[in-house]
Protein backbone atom coordinates (compact mmCIF):
# COMPACT_ATOMS: atom_id res chain seq x y z
CA MET A 1 145.70 91.10 138.65
CA VAL A 2 142.06 90.21 138.21
CA LEU A 3 139.23 91.39 140.43
CA LYS A 4 137.51 88.35 141.92
CA ASN A 5 134.57 88.09 144.29
CA THR A 6 132.77 85.80 146.67
CA LEU A 7 129.42 87.46 146.03
CA LYS A 8 127.49 84.29 145.18
CA GLU A 9 128.62 82.49 148.33
CA PHE A 10 127.79 85.39 150.66
CA ARG A 11 124.51 86.10 148.87
CA GLN A 12 123.39 82.49 149.27
CA LYS A 13 124.50 82.37 152.94
CA LYS A 14 122.32 85.39 153.66
CA GLY A 15 119.38 83.87 151.80
CA TYR A 16 119.09 86.46 149.03
CA THR A 17 118.11 85.66 145.47
CA GLN A 18 119.90 87.57 142.73
CA ASP A 19 116.73 89.59 142.17
CA GLU A 20 116.28 90.45 145.86
CA LEU A 21 119.88 91.58 146.25
CA GLY A 22 119.68 93.62 143.06
CA LYS A 23 116.54 95.39 144.22
CA SER A 24 118.01 96.10 147.65
CA VAL A 25 121.03 97.87 146.10
CA SER A 26 119.08 99.46 143.20
CA VAL A 27 120.46 97.42 140.30
CA SER A 28 118.98 94.73 138.08
CA ARG A 29 119.21 91.00 138.59
CA GLN A 30 121.31 90.90 135.42
CA THR A 31 123.89 93.19 137.04
CA ILE A 32 124.23 90.82 140.01
CA ILE A 33 124.57 87.87 137.61
CA SER A 34 127.25 89.72 135.64
CA ILE A 35 129.23 90.55 138.78
CA GLU A 36 129.06 86.94 139.99
CA ARG A 37 130.30 85.70 136.60
CA TYR A 38 133.14 88.27 136.44
CA ARG A 39 131.63 89.96 133.38
CA TYR A 40 131.09 93.28 135.16
CA LYS A 41 133.25 95.11 137.67
CA PRO A 42 131.09 97.13 140.04
CA SER A 43 131.86 100.71 140.92
CA LEU A 44 133.23 101.32 144.40
CA GLU A 45 129.87 102.76 145.41
CA LEU A 46 127.99 99.65 144.25
CA ALA A 47 130.55 97.31 145.82
CA MET A 48 130.13 99.13 149.14
CA LYS A 49 126.33 98.98 148.92
CA ILE A 50 126.47 95.23 148.28
CA ALA A 51 128.94 94.64 151.11
CA ASN A 52 126.80 96.70 153.48
CA GLU A 53 123.60 94.87 152.46
CA LEU A 54 125.27 91.48 153.01
CA ASN A 55 126.88 92.71 156.25
CA VAL A 56 130.37 91.67 155.16
CA LYS A 57 133.60 93.61 154.80
CA ILE A 58 134.22 94.73 151.24
CA GLU A 59 137.68 93.10 151.36
CA LYS A 60 136.07 89.69 151.91
CA LEU A 61 133.61 90.22 149.08
CA PHE A 62 135.96 91.63 146.43
CA TYR A 63 139.68 90.88 146.10
CA PHE A 64 142.51 90.77 143.56
CA ALA A 65 143.95 87.42 142.54
């Protein structure tokens, strides 16, 4: 199974740029880009911070396919 995400869609719906979201969860813009492109798997702590910031359940943001 591969960890997938809907980060880009939820980020855009909430009106965040990659840089704004990164700053709000204390990571770089490059980290957000890498997560969106499936090059980096976030830690559980980071995934929860992102889900909380976007006000979405973590299960909707990250899933196995």
